[in-house]
Amino acid sequence: MDLVSMQTALAEFVVRRDWQQFHTPKNLAMALAGEAGELLELFQWLTPEQAAQIMHTPEQAERVRHELADVLSYLLRLADVLEVDLAAALGKRFS
């Protein structure tokens, strides 16, 4: 699934739940920061060696995948609401 397809699926999910009213740029940016914080929390007190091995523990690996998906979903929604082409923005950033 590409970025546009993911954004479309997320937008449809939001419409089905009537959440558009809550998906303002401010709210989405705050939610993105919150989810990034939850991801960070999984690594907060780990040593570098423990952090490198986090995906070897099934429960921890599932939590990491969950938080990464949350971060990605809010990033995609924010970009969609702001009409930002993430692929183009990334391409310009590294050109």
C-alpha atoms as a PDB file:
ATOM      1  CA  MET A   1       0.000   0.000   0.000  1.00  0.00           C
ATOM      2  CA  ASP A   2       1.431   3.400  -0.967  1.00  0.00           C
ATOM      3  CA  LEU A   3       1.132   6.666   0.982  1.00  0.00           C
ATOM      4  CA  VAL A   4      -1.852   7.945  -1.003  1.00  0.00           C
ATOM      5  CA  SER A   5      -3.721   4.666  -0.532  1.00  0.00           C
ATOM      6  CA  MET A   6      -3.030   4.766   3.205  1.00  0.00           C
ATOM      7  CA  GLN A   7      -4.233   8.371   3.393  1.00  0.00           C
ATOM      8  CA  THR A   8      -7.396   7.476   1.493  1.00  0.00           C
ATOM      9  CA  ALA A   9      -8.096   4.533   3.781  1.00  0.00           C
ATOM     10  CA  LEU A  10      -7.538   6.684   6.868  1.00  0.00           C
ATOM     11  CA  ALA A  11      -9.760   9.468   5.502  1.00  0.00           C
ATOM     12  CA  GLU A  12     -12.553   6.947   4.876  1.00  0.00           C
ATOM     13  CA  PHE A  13     -12.106   5.553   8.392  1.00  0.00           C
ATOM     14  CA  VAL A  14     -12.426   9.088   9.802  1.00  0.00           C
ATOM     15  CA  VAL A  15     -15.551   9.844   7.768  1.00  0.00           C
ATOM     16  CA  ARG A  16     -17.247   6.612   8.888  1.00  0.00           C
ATOM     17  CA  ARG A  17     -16.753   7.700  12.503  1.00  0.00           C
ATOM     18  CA  ASP A  18     -17.575  11.378  11.903  1.00  0.00           C
ATOM     19  CA  TRP A  19     -14.201  12.435  13.290  1.00  0.00           C
ATOM     20  CA  GLN A  20     -13.430  15.117  10.677  1.00  0.00           C
ATOM     21  CA  GLN A  21     -14.472  17.812  13.159  1.00  0.00           C
ATOM     22  CA  PHE A  22     -11.649  16.728  15.478  1.00  0.00           C
ATOM     23  CA  HIS A  23      -8.964  16.329  12.819  1.00  0.00           C
ATOM     24  CA  THR A  24      -7.735  19.904  12.777  1.00  0.00           C
ATOM     25  CA  PRO A  25      -4.045  20.537  12.102  1.00  0.00           C
ATOM     26  CA  LYS A  26      -3.498  21.491  15.767  1.00  0.00           C
ATOM     27  CA  ASN A  27      -5.225  18.386  17.103  1.00  0.00           C
ATOM     28  CA  LEU A  28      -3.457  16.081  14.674  1.00  0.00           C
ATOM     29  CA  ALA A  29      -0.044  17.612  15.451  1.00  0.00           C
ATOM     30  CA  MET A  30      -0.707  17.182  19.174  1.00  0.00           C
ATOM     31  CA  ALA A  31      -1.829  13.578  18.658  1.00  0.00           C
ATOM     32  CA  LEU A  32       1.278  12.898  16.566  1.00  0.00           C
ATOM     33  CA  ALA A  33       3.498  14.259  19.324  1.00  0.00           C
ATOM     34  CA  GLY A  34       1.662  12.179  21.909  1.00  0.00           C
ATOM     35  CA  GLU A  35       2.087   8.982  19.907  1.00  0.00           C
ATOM     36  CA  ALA A  36       5.772   9.756  19.296  1.00  0.00           C
ATOM     37  CA  GLY A  37       6.078  10.124  23.073  1.00  0.00           C
ATOM     38  CA  GLU A  38       4.484   6.719  23.582  1.00  0.00           C
ATOM     39  CA  LEU A  39       7.025   5.225  21.168  1.00  0.00           C
ATOM     40  CA  LEU A  40       9.835   7.005  22.987  1.00  0.00           C
ATOM     41  CA  GLU A  41       8.604   5.656  26.302  1.00  0.00           C
ATOM     42  CA  LEU A  42       9.299   2.092  25.102  1.00  0.00           C
ATOM     43  CA  PHE A  43      12.992   2.973  24.747  1.00  0.00           C
ATOM     44  CA  GLN A  44      13.341   5.494  27.580  1.00  0.00           C
ATOM     45  CA  TRP A  45      15.387   3.548  30.107  1.00  0.00           C
ATOM     46  CA  LEU A  46      16.907   0.914  27.844  1.00  0.00           C
ATOM     47  CA  THR A  47      20.604   0.650  27.251  1.00  0.00           C
ATOM     48  CA  PRO A  48      21.711   0.907  23.606  1.00  0.00           C
ATOM     49  CA  GLU A  49      22.133  -2.873  23.592  1.00  0.00           C
ATOM     50  CA  GLN A  50      18.625  -3.458  24.989  1.00  0.00           C
ATOM     51  CA  ALA A  51      17.130  -1.005  22.494  1.00  0.00           C
ATOM     52  CA  ALA A  52      18.821  -2.838  19.620  1.00  0.00           C
ATOM     53  CA  GLN A  53      17.220  -6.087  20.805  1.00  0.00           C
ATOM     54  CA  ILE A  54      13.700  -4.759  21.493  1.00  0.00           C
ATOM     55  CA  MET A  55      12.168  -6.520  18.495  1.00  0.00           C
ATOM     56  CA  HIS A  56      13.391  -9.894  19.793  1.00  0.00           C
ATOM     57  CA  THR A  57      10.785  -9.923  22.562  1.00  0.00           C
ATOM     58  CA  PRO A  58       7.350 -10.626  21.052  1.00  0.00           C
ATOM     59  CA  GLU A  59       5.411  -8.444  23.509  1.00  0.00           C
ATOM     60  CA  GLN A  60       7.775  -5.492  23.117  1.00  0.00           C
ATOM     61  CA  ALA A  61       7.923  -5.934  19.348  1.00  0.00           C
ATOM     62  CA  GLU A  62       4.129  -5.765  19.184  1.00  0.00           C
ATOM     63  CA  ARG A  63       4.105  -2.571  21.253  1.00  0.00           C
ATOM     64  CA  VAL A  64       6.731  -0.985  18.972  1.00  0.00           C
ATOM     65  CA  ARG A  65       4.753  -1.930  15.858  1.00  0.00           C
ATOM     66  CA  HIS A  66       1.572  -0.520  17.419  1.00  0.00           C
ATOM     67  CA  GLU A  67       3.166   2.819  18.311  1.00  0.00           C
ATOM     68  CA  LEU A  68       4.896   3.134  14.943  1.00  0.00           C
ATOM     69  CA  ALA A  69       1.544   2.551  13.232  1.00  0.00           C
ATOM     70  CA  ASP A  70      -0.056   5.222  15.419  1.00  0.00           C
ATOM     71  CA  VAL A  71       2.711   7.711  14.599  1.00  0.00           C
ATOM     72  CA  LEU A  72       2.384   6.960  10.883  1.00  0.00           C
ATOM     73  CA  SER A  73      -1.404   7.247  10.909  1.00  0.00           C
ATOM     74  CA  TYR A  74      -1.345  10.689  12.535  1.00  0.00           C
ATOM     75  CA  LEU A  75       1.463  11.860  10.245  1.00  0.00           C
ATOM     76  CA  LEU A  76      -0.505  10.731   7.207  1.00  0.00           C
ATOM     77  CA  ARG A  77      -3.713  12.378   8.446  1.00  0.00           C
ATOM     78  CA  LEU A  78      -1.911  15.645   9.205  1.00  0.00           C
ATOM     79  CA  ALA A  79      -0.312  15.680   5.763  1.00  0.00           C
ATOM     80  CA  ASP A  80      -3.675  14.923   4.153  1.00  0.00           C
ATOM     81  CA  VAL A  81      -5.490  17.681   6.055  1.00  0.00           C
ATOM     82  CA  LEU A  82      -2.723  20.165   5.197  1.00  0.00           C
ATOM     83  CA  GLU A  83      -2.573  18.911   1.587  1.00  0.00           C
ATOM     84  CA  VAL A  84       1.123  18.075   1.845  1.00  0.00           C
ATOM     85  CA  ASP A  85       2.536  15.526  -0.581  1.00  0.00           C
ATOM     86  CA  LEU A  86       4.852  13.684   1.804  1.00  0.00           C
ATOM     87  CA  ALA A  87       6.779  11.882  -0.919  1.00  0.00           C
ATOM     88  CA  ALA A  88       7.478  15.157  -2.723  1.00  0.00           C
ATOM     89  CA  ALA A  89       8.368  16.913   0.538  1.00  0.00           C
ATOM     90  CA  LEU A  90      10.793  14.132   1.446  1.00  0.00           C
ATOM     91  CA  GLY A  91      12.290  14.179  -2.029  1.00  0.00           C
ATOM     92  CA  LYS A  92      12.908  17.925  -1.834  1.00  0.00           C
ATOM     93  CA  ARG A  93      14.410  17.571   1.626  1.00  0.00           C
ATOM     94  CA  PHE A  94      17.152  15.249   0.362  1.00  0.00           C
ATOM     95  CA  SER A  95      17.776  16.628  -3.103  1.00  0.00           C
END
